[in-house]
C-alpha atoms as a PDB file:
ATOM      1  CA  MET A   1       0.049  -0.139   0.157  1.00  0.00           C
ATOM      2  CA  ALA A   2       1.337   3.448  -0.949  1.00  0.00           C
ATOM      3  CA  GLY A   3       0.754   6.861   0.763  1.00  0.00           C
ATOM      4  CA  THR A   4       0.464   5.734   4.207  1.00  0.00           C
ATOM      5  CA  SER A   5       1.883   8.665   5.971  1.00  0.00           C
ATOM      6  CA  ALA A   6      -0.683  11.049   7.577  1.00  0.00           C
ATOM      7  CA  VAL A   7       0.510  14.112   5.208  1.00  0.00           C
ATOM      8  CA  PRO A   8       2.279  13.285   2.105  1.00  0.00           C
ATOM      9  CA  THR A   9       4.437  16.190   1.067  1.00  0.00           C
ATOM     10  CA  SER A  10       7.378  14.728  -0.774  1.00  0.00           C
ATOM     11  CA  ASP A  11       7.821  15.664  -4.606  1.00  0.00           C
ATOM     12  CA  ASP A  12       8.251  11.806  -5.143  1.00  0.00           C
ATOM     13  CA  ASP A  13       4.903  10.697  -3.386  1.00  0.00           C
ATOM     14  CA  PRO A  14       2.492   9.437  -5.820  1.00  0.00           C
ATOM     15  CA  TYR A  15      -0.202  11.385  -4.632  1.00  0.00           C
ATOM     16  CA  GLU A  16       1.553  14.693  -5.370  1.00  0.00           C
ATOM     17  CA  ARG A  17       2.600  13.465  -8.698  1.00  0.00           C
ATOM     18  CA  LEU A  18      -0.972  12.875  -9.547  1.00  0.00           C
ATOM     19  CA  ARG A  19      -1.710  16.457  -8.373  1.00  0.00           C
ATOM     20  CA  ARG A  20       0.910  17.823 -10.674  1.00  0.00           C
ATOM     21  CA  GLU A  21       0.233  15.353 -13.731  1.00  0.00           C
ATOM     22  CA  ARG A  22      -3.576  15.592 -13.619  1.00  0.00           C
ATOM     23  CA  PRO A  23      -4.951  18.939 -12.030  1.00  0.00           C
ATOM     24  CA  ALA A  24      -8.222  18.856 -13.554  1.00  0.00           C
ATOM     25  CA  LEU A  25      -8.996  15.936 -11.044  1.00  0.00           C
ATOM     26  CA  PHE A  26      -8.212  18.260  -8.109  1.00  0.00           C
ATOM     27  CA  ALA A  27      -9.768  21.396  -9.108  1.00  0.00           C
ATOM     28  CA  ASN A  28     -11.964  23.353  -6.691  1.00  0.00           C
ATOM     29  CA  PRO A  29     -14.841  24.902  -8.509  1.00  0.00           C
ATOM     30  CA  PRO A  30     -16.521  27.967  -7.104  1.00  0.00           C
ATOM     31  CA  GLY A  31     -18.810  26.595  -4.426  1.00  0.00           C
ATOM     32  CA  ALA A  32     -17.674  22.974  -4.301  1.00  0.00           C
ATOM     33  CA  GLY A  33     -19.040  21.372  -1.196  1.00  0.00           C
ATOM     34  CA  TYR A  34     -15.823  19.652  -0.404  1.00  0.00           C
ATOM     35  CA  GLU A  35     -12.434  21.622  -0.992  1.00  0.00           C
ATOM     36  CA  ILE A  36      -9.580  19.644  -1.879  1.00  0.00           C
ATOM     37  CA  LEU A  37      -6.686  21.164   0.680  1.00  0.00           C
ATOM     38  CA  PRO A  38      -2.932  20.852   0.109  1.00  0.00           C
ATOM     39  CA  ALA A  39      -2.095  18.185   2.278  1.00  0.00           C
ATOM     40  CA  ALA A  40      -0.341  20.250   4.907  1.00  0.00           C
ATOM     41  CA  ASP A  41      -3.595  22.038   5.652  1.00  0.00           C
ATOM     42  CA  ALA A  42      -5.695  18.985   6.557  1.00  0.00           C
ATOM     43  CA  ALA A  43      -5.547  17.462  10.316  1.00  0.00           C
ATOM     44  CA  PRO A  44      -2.932  15.158  10.509  1.00  0.00           C
ATOM     45  CA  GLU A  45      -4.807  13.064  13.052  1.00  0.00           C
ATOM     46  CA  ARG A  46      -7.800  12.642  10.379  1.00  0.00           C
ATOM     47  CA  GLY A  47      -5.241  11.124   8.066  1.00  0.00           C
ATOM     48  CA  PRO A  48      -3.966   9.029   6.155  1.00  0.00           C
ATOM     49  CA  TYR A  49      -4.165  10.971   3.158  1.00  0.00           C
ATOM     50  CA  GLY A  50      -2.775  10.107  -0.271  1.00  0.00           C
ATOM     51  CA  VAL A  51      -2.555   7.209  -2.542  1.00  0.00           C
ATOM     52  CA  GLN A  52      -3.955   4.190  -0.672  1.00  0.00           C
ATOM     53  CA  TYR A  53      -3.862   1.687  -3.494  1.00  0.00           C
ATOM     54  CA  GLN A  54      -2.893   1.497  -7.057  1.00  0.00           C
ATOM     55  CA  ASP A  55      -2.792  -1.015  -9.892  1.00  0.00           C
ATOM     56  CA  SER A  56      -2.824  -1.247 -13.826  1.00  0.00           C
ATOM     57  CA  PHE A  57      -6.537  -0.255 -13.699  1.00  0.00           C
ATOM     58  CA  VAL A  58      -7.427   2.149 -10.841  1.00  0.00           C
ATOM     59  CA  THR A  59      -5.894   4.215  -8.327  1.00  0.00           C
ATOM     60  CA  LEU A  60      -7.801   4.773  -4.772  1.00  0.00           C
ATOM     61  CA  VAL A  61      -7.017   7.997  -3.036  1.00  0.00           C
ATOM     62  CA  ARG A  62      -8.006   9.693   0.009  1.00  0.00           C
ATOM     63  CA  ASP A  63      -8.046  13.331  -0.584  1.00  0.00           C
ATOM     64  CA  PRO A  64      -7.394  16.000   2.257  1.00  0.00           C
ATOM     65  CA  VAL A  65     -10.521  18.018   2.057  1.00  0.00           C
ATOM     66  CA  ARG A  66     -12.342  20.792   4.213  1.00  0.00           C
ATOM     67  CA  PHE A  67     -15.961  19.409   4.668  1.00  0.00           C
ATOM     68  CA  PRO A  68     -19.013  21.849   4.338  1.00  0.00           C
ATOM     69  CA  ASN A  69     -19.251  21.876   8.095  1.00  0.00           C
ATOM     70  CA  GLY A  70     -15.448  23.486   8.007  1.00  0.00           C
ATOM     71  CA  GLY A  71     -13.970  20.586   9.532  1.00  0.00           C
ATOM     72  CA  THR A  72     -10.934  18.863   7.577  1.00  0.00           C
ATOM     73  CA  GLY A  73     -10.251  14.965   6.841  1.00  0.00           C
ATOM     74  CA  GLY A  74      -9.949  12.622   4.382  1.00  0.00           C
ATOM     75  CA  TYR A  75     -12.411  11.519   1.383  1.00  0.00           C
ATOM     76  CA  ILE A  76     -12.105   8.360  -0.412  1.00  0.00           C
ATOM     77  CA  ARG A  77     -12.014   8.493  -4.496  1.00  0.00           C
ATOM     78  CA  LEU A  78     -11.763   6.019  -6.966  1.00  0.00           C
ATOM     79  CA  LEU A  79      -9.525   7.153  -9.941  1.00  0.00           C
ATOM     80  CA  GLU A  80      -8.770   5.493 -13.282  1.00  0.00           C
ATOM     81  CA  ARG A  81      -5.245   5.092 -14.313  1.00  0.00           C
ATOM     82  CA  ALA A  82      -5.907   5.908 -17.925  1.00  0.00           C
ATOM     83  CA  GLU A  83      -6.959   9.566 -18.535  1.00  0.00           C
ATOM     84  CA  ASN A  84      -9.901   8.619 -20.755  1.00  0.00           C
ATOM     85  CA  GLY A  85     -11.550   6.034 -18.407  1.00  0.00           C
ATOM     86  CA  GLY A  86     -13.363   3.591 -20.271  1.00  0.00           C
ATOM     87  CA  ALA A  87     -16.022   2.808 -22.948  1.00  0.00           C
ATOM     88  CA  ALA A  88     -18.861   0.639 -23.429  1.00  0.00           C
ATOM     89  CA  VAL A  89     -20.731  -0.026 -26.658  1.00  0.00           C
ATOM     90  CA  LEU A  90     -24.236  -1.290 -27.556  1.00  0.00           C
ATOM     91  CA  PRO A  91     -24.051  -3.639 -30.512  1.00  0.00           C
ATOM     92  CA  LEU A  92     -27.157  -3.455 -32.895  1.00  0.00           C
ATOM     93  CA  ILE A  93     -28.368  -6.058 -35.212  1.00  0.00           C
ATOM     94  CA  GLY A  94     -31.298  -4.716 -37.079  1.00  0.00           C
ATOM     95  CA  GLU A  95     -33.970  -3.518 -34.252  1.00  0.00           C
ATOM     96  CA  ARG A  96     -32.418  -5.952 -31.676  1.00  0.00           C
ATOM     97  CA  ALA A  97     -29.741  -5.099 -29.001  1.00  0.00           C
ATOM     98  CA  VAL A  98     -26.943  -7.984 -28.488  1.00  0.00           C
ATOM     99  CA  LEU A  99     -26.340  -8.616 -24.723  1.00  0.00           C
ATOM    100  CA  ILE A 100     -23.649 -10.707 -23.067  1.00  0.00           C
ATOM    101  CA  ARG A 101     -24.163 -12.666 -20.073  1.00  0.00           C
ATOM    102  CA  HIS A 102     -21.098 -12.085 -17.968  1.00  0.00           C
ATOM    103  CA  PHE A 103     -20.195 -13.338 -14.565  1.00  0.00           C
ATOM    104  CA  ARG A 104     -18.879 -10.657 -12.323  1.00  0.00           C
ATOM    105  CA  HIS A 105     -16.477 -10.905  -9.600  1.00  0.00           C
ATOM    106  CA  ALA A 106     -17.545  -8.121  -7.457  1.00  0.00           C
ATOM    107  CA  THR A 107     -21.103  -8.992  -7.234  1.00  0.00           C
ATOM    108  CA  ARG A 108     -20.305 -12.904  -7.389  1.00  0.00           C
ATOM    109  CA  ASP A 109     -23.159 -13.110 -10.165  1.00  0.00           C
ATOM    110  CA  TRP A 110     -23.975 -13.143 -13.798  1.00  0.00           C
ATOM    111  CA  HIS A 111     -25.263  -9.894 -15.580  1.00  0.00           C
ATOM    112  CA  TRP A 112     -26.853  -9.034 -18.755  1.00  0.00           C
ATOM    113  CA  GLU A 113     -24.581  -6.723 -20.113  1.00  0.00           C
ATOM    114  CA  ILE A 114     -23.113  -4.776 -23.190  1.00  0.00           C
ATOM    115  CA  PRO A 115     -19.515  -4.946 -23.889  1.00  0.00           C
ATOM    116  CA  ARG A 116     -17.115  -2.473 -21.835  1.00  0.00           C
ATOM    117  CA  GLY A 117     -13.748  -1.949 -20.311  1.00  0.00           C
ATOM    118  CA  PHE A 118     -11.173   0.378 -19.060  1.00  0.00           C
ATOM    119  CA  SER A 119      -9.265   2.327 -21.614  1.00  0.00           C
ATOM    120  CA  ASP A 120      -5.345   1.544 -21.719  1.00  0.00           C
ATOM    121  CA  PRO A 121      -3.072   4.465 -21.167  1.00  0.00           C
ATOM    122  CA  GLY A 122      -2.853   6.793 -24.331  1.00  0.00           C
ATOM    123  CA  GLU A 123      -6.110   4.835 -25.786  1.00  0.00           C
ATOM    124  CA  MET A 124      -8.951   6.888 -27.045  1.00  0.00           C
ATOM    125  CA  PRO A 125     -12.417   5.810 -25.924  1.00  0.00           C
ATOM    126  CA  GLU A 126     -13.560   4.844 -29.579  1.00  0.00           C
ATOM    127  CA  GLN A 127     -10.342   2.555 -29.625  1.00  0.00           C
ATOM    128  CA  THR A 128     -11.425   1.132 -26.063  1.00  0.00           C
ATOM    129  CA  ALA A 129     -15.232   0.585 -27.552  1.00  0.00           C
ATOM    130  CA  HIS A 130     -13.693  -1.060 -30.803  1.00  0.00           C
ATOM    131  CA  ARG A 131     -11.079  -3.472 -28.891  1.00  0.00           C
ATOM    132  CA  GLU A 132     -13.777  -4.542 -26.385  1.00  0.00           C
ATOM    133  CA  LEU A 133     -16.103  -5.541 -28.935  1.00  0.00           C
ATOM    134  CA  VAL A 134     -13.669  -7.424 -30.614  1.00  0.00           C
ATOM    135  CA  GLU A 135     -12.601  -9.108 -27.475  1.00  0.00           C
ATOM    136  CA  GLU A 136     -16.042  -9.928 -26.312  1.00  0.00           C
ATOM    137  CA  LEU A 137     -18.122 -10.793 -29.217  1.00  0.00           C
ATOM    138  CA  GLY A 138     -15.245 -11.400 -31.868  1.00  0.00           C
ATOM    139  CA  VAL A 139     -16.793  -8.885 -34.427  1.00  0.00           C
ATOM    140  CA  GLU A 140     -15.614  -5.521 -35.891  1.00  0.00           C
ATOM    141  CA  PRO A 141     -17.883  -2.615 -35.402  1.00  0.00           C
ATOM    142  CA  GLN A 142     -19.564  -0.978 -38.550  1.00  0.00           C
ATOM    143  CA  GLY A 143     -18.745   2.569 -37.306  1.00  0.00           C
ATOM    144  CA  LEU A 144     -19.222   3.896 -33.569  1.00  0.00           C
ATOM    145  CA  ARG A 145     -21.884   6.376 -32.839  1.00  0.00           C
ATOM    146  CA  ARG A 146     -21.109   8.354 -29.543  1.00  0.00           C
ATOM    147  CA  LEU A 147     -24.146   8.431 -27.430  1.00  0.00           C
ATOM    148  CA  GLY A 148     -22.870  10.178 -24.210  1.00  0.00           C
ATOM    149  CA  VAL A 149     -21.023   9.664 -21.018  1.00  0.00           C
ATOM    150  CA  ILE A 150     -22.069   7.925 -17.736  1.00  0.00           C
ATOM    151  CA  HIS A 151     -20.808   8.234 -14.085  1.00  0.00           C
ATOM    152  CA  VAL A 152     -22.060   5.347 -12.429  1.00  0.00           C
ATOM    153  CA  ASP A 153     -21.382   6.080  -8.761  1.00  0.00           C
ATOM    154  CA  THR A 154     -20.574   9.873  -8.149  1.00  0.00           C
ATOM    155  CA  GLY A 155     -20.308   8.971  -4.571  1.00  0.00           C
ATOM    156  CA  ILE A 156     -16.759   7.513  -4.739  1.00  0.00           C
ATOM    157  CA  SER A 157     -15.661   7.037  -8.436  1.00  0.00           C
ATOM    158  CA  ALA A 158     -14.334   9.688 -10.688  1.00  0.00           C
ATOM    159  CA  MET A 159     -14.335   7.630 -13.649  1.00  0.00           C
ATOM    160  CA  GLY A 160     -16.585   8.697 -16.719  1.00  0.00           C
ATOM    161  CA  THR A 161     -17.286   5.844 -19.197  1.00  0.00           C
ATOM    162  CA  THR A 162     -18.225   7.282 -23.049  1.00  0.00           C
ATOM    163  CA  LEU A 163     -21.160   5.141 -24.437  1.00  0.00           C
ATOM    164  CA  TYR A 164     -21.239   4.013 -28.137  1.00  0.00           C
ATOM    165  CA  ALA A 165     -23.681   2.320 -30.500  1.00  0.00           C
ATOM    166  CA  THR A 166     -22.774   0.330 -33.453  1.00  0.00           C
ATOM    167  CA  THR A 167     -24.423  -1.795 -36.072  1.00  0.00           C
ATOM    168  CA  LEU A 168     -23.296  -5.425 -36.779  1.00  0.00           C
ATOM    169  CA  ALA A 169     -23.795  -7.568 -39.672  1.00  0.00           C
ATOM    170  CA  GLY A 170     -24.401 -10.571 -37.371  1.00  0.00           C
ATOM    171  CA  LEU A 171     -22.380 -12.983 -34.925  1.00  0.00           C
ATOM    172  CA  ALA A 172     -20.015 -15.512 -35.252  1.00  0.00           C
ATOM    173  CA  PRO A 173     -18.775 -18.323 -33.022  1.00  0.00           C
ATOM    174  CA  HIS A 174     -15.997 -16.547 -30.709  1.00  0.00           C
ATOM    175  CA  ASP A 175     -14.562 -18.281 -27.624  1.00  0.00           C
ATOM    176  CA  THR A 176     -15.271 -16.243 -24.703  1.00  0.00           C
ATOM    177  CA  ARG A 177     -14.123 -18.239 -21.698  1.00  0.00           C
ATOM    178  CA  ASP A 178     -11.381 -16.214 -20.794  1.00  0.00           C
ATOM    179  CA  GLU A 179     -13.836 -13.255 -20.355  1.00  0.00           C
ATOM    180  CA  ALA A 180     -16.177 -15.215 -18.510  1.00  0.00           C
ATOM    181  CA  ILE A 181     -18.987 -14.568 -20.750  1.00  0.00           C
ATOM    182  CA  THR A 182     -21.569 -17.595 -20.978  1.00  0.00           C
ATOM    183  CA  GLU A 183     -24.073 -16.393 -23.170  1.00  0.00           C
ATOM    184  CA  ARG A 184     -24.954 -13.928 -26.020  1.00  0.00           C
ATOM    185  CA  GLY A 185     -28.649 -12.821 -26.921  1.00  0.00           C
ATOM    186  CA  ARG A 186     -30.515 -10.523 -29.551  1.00  0.00           C
ATOM    187  CA  PHE A 187     -33.136  -8.593 -27.457  1.00  0.00           C
ATOM    188  CA  THR A 188     -35.885  -6.188 -28.681  1.00  0.00           C
ATOM    189  CA  ALA A 189     -36.829  -3.119 -26.796  1.00  0.00           C
ATOM    190  CA  GLY A 190     -39.927  -4.586 -25.673  1.00  0.00           C
ATOM    191  CA  GLU A 191     -37.907  -7.785 -24.309  1.00  0.00           C
ATOM    192  CA  ILE A 192     -35.278  -5.316 -22.509  1.00  0.00           C
ATOM    193  CA  ASP A 193     -38.249  -3.411 -20.789  1.00  0.00           C
ATOM    194  CA  ALA A 194     -39.380  -7.046 -19.340  1.00  0.00           C
ATOM    195  CA  MET A 195     -35.685  -7.753 -18.160  1.00  0.00           C
ATOM    196  CA  LEU A 196     -35.664  -4.281 -16.339  1.00  0.00           C
ATOM    197  CA  ALA A 197     -39.095  -5.245 -14.679  1.00  0.00           C
ATOM    198  CA  ASP A 198     -38.041  -8.614 -13.840  1.00  0.00           C
ATOM    199  CA  GLY A 199     -34.649  -7.491 -12.510  1.00  0.00           C
ATOM    200  CA  GLU A 200     -32.764  -9.496 -14.873  1.00  0.00           C
ATOM    201  CA  LEU A 201     -31.128  -6.263 -16.210  1.00  0.00           C
ATOM    202  CA  THR A 202     -29.272  -4.397 -13.537  1.00  0.00           C
ATOM    203  CA  ASP A 203     -26.034  -3.316 -15.280  1.00  0.00           C
ATOM    204  CA  SER A 204     -26.172   0.767 -15.343  1.00  0.00           C
ATOM    205  CA  PHE A 205     -24.044   1.110 -18.445  1.00  0.00           C
ATOM    206  CA  THR A 206     -26.331  -1.314 -20.393  1.00  0.00           C
ATOM    207  CA  MET A 207     -29.608   0.913 -19.108  1.00  0.00           C
ATOM    208  CA  ALA A 208     -27.805   4.115 -20.002  1.00  0.00           C
ATOM    209  CA  ALA A 209     -26.742   3.281 -23.272  1.00  0.00           C
ATOM    210  CA  VAL A 210     -30.437   1.616 -24.214  1.00  0.00           C
ATOM    211  CA  LEU A 211     -31.994   4.968 -22.988  1.00  0.00           C
ATOM    212  CA  HIS A 212     -29.951   6.916 -25.204  1.00  0.00           C
ATOM    213  CA  ALA A 213     -30.447   4.586 -28.141  1.00  0.00           C
ATOM    214  CA  ARG A 214     -34.036   4.811 -27.468  1.00  0.00           C
ATOM    215  CA  ARG A 215     -33.772   8.508 -27.245  1.00  0.00           C
ATOM    216  CA  LEU A 216     -32.178   8.478 -30.915  1.00  0.00           C
ATOM    217  CA  GLY A 217     -34.452   5.974 -32.466  1.00  0.00           C
ATOM    218  CA  LEU A 218     -31.841   3.480 -32.758  1.00  0.00           C
ATOM    219  CA  LEU A 219     -33.775   0.678 -30.708  1.00  0.00           C
ATOM    220  CA  PRO A 220     -37.295   1.146 -31.645  1.00  0.00           C
END
């Protein structure tokens, strides 16, 4: 674990490097309810502050902040390692959406989802969408249409995921055992509504992409 000292101040500290390299993540807009402070201005006894965990996908930080009541302390935040976050893509074949049934470690359960993933360093969101579609469905997208951005948990995560839609000519056999994907299905808008009502569809990326697609008339 990194950054376990109460007040990180060294120029070599991972948290201070983050503040220098990605200043937008540490901006204090006018009226911000939680003001990010210089580490030295936060109460040391309310620490630790700084980078608490880091791997090739995410960085967990505990920012030194001033709370709305005027007190100071730490506030946990999850940051993506790549500046462009990630991407999710809604594949469409005719008037049906293609969903995959994916086992997820976090929930220890299966979920009907659209292909998605973190961006690699230096990778643009549309490149991520293309790569994830090939990895999870084994097909090339026939153009990508940007739908919008979703923030799945604004209480802890700074990550924004760019949503896309694409049209596919069809599906082909594809080995997805390494991706923990067990099924693929094609669903009409009405069938997706029924899955929502029955609690079969709970993935926020998928629900947001379907909402955008229906707004744009892509999934009638």
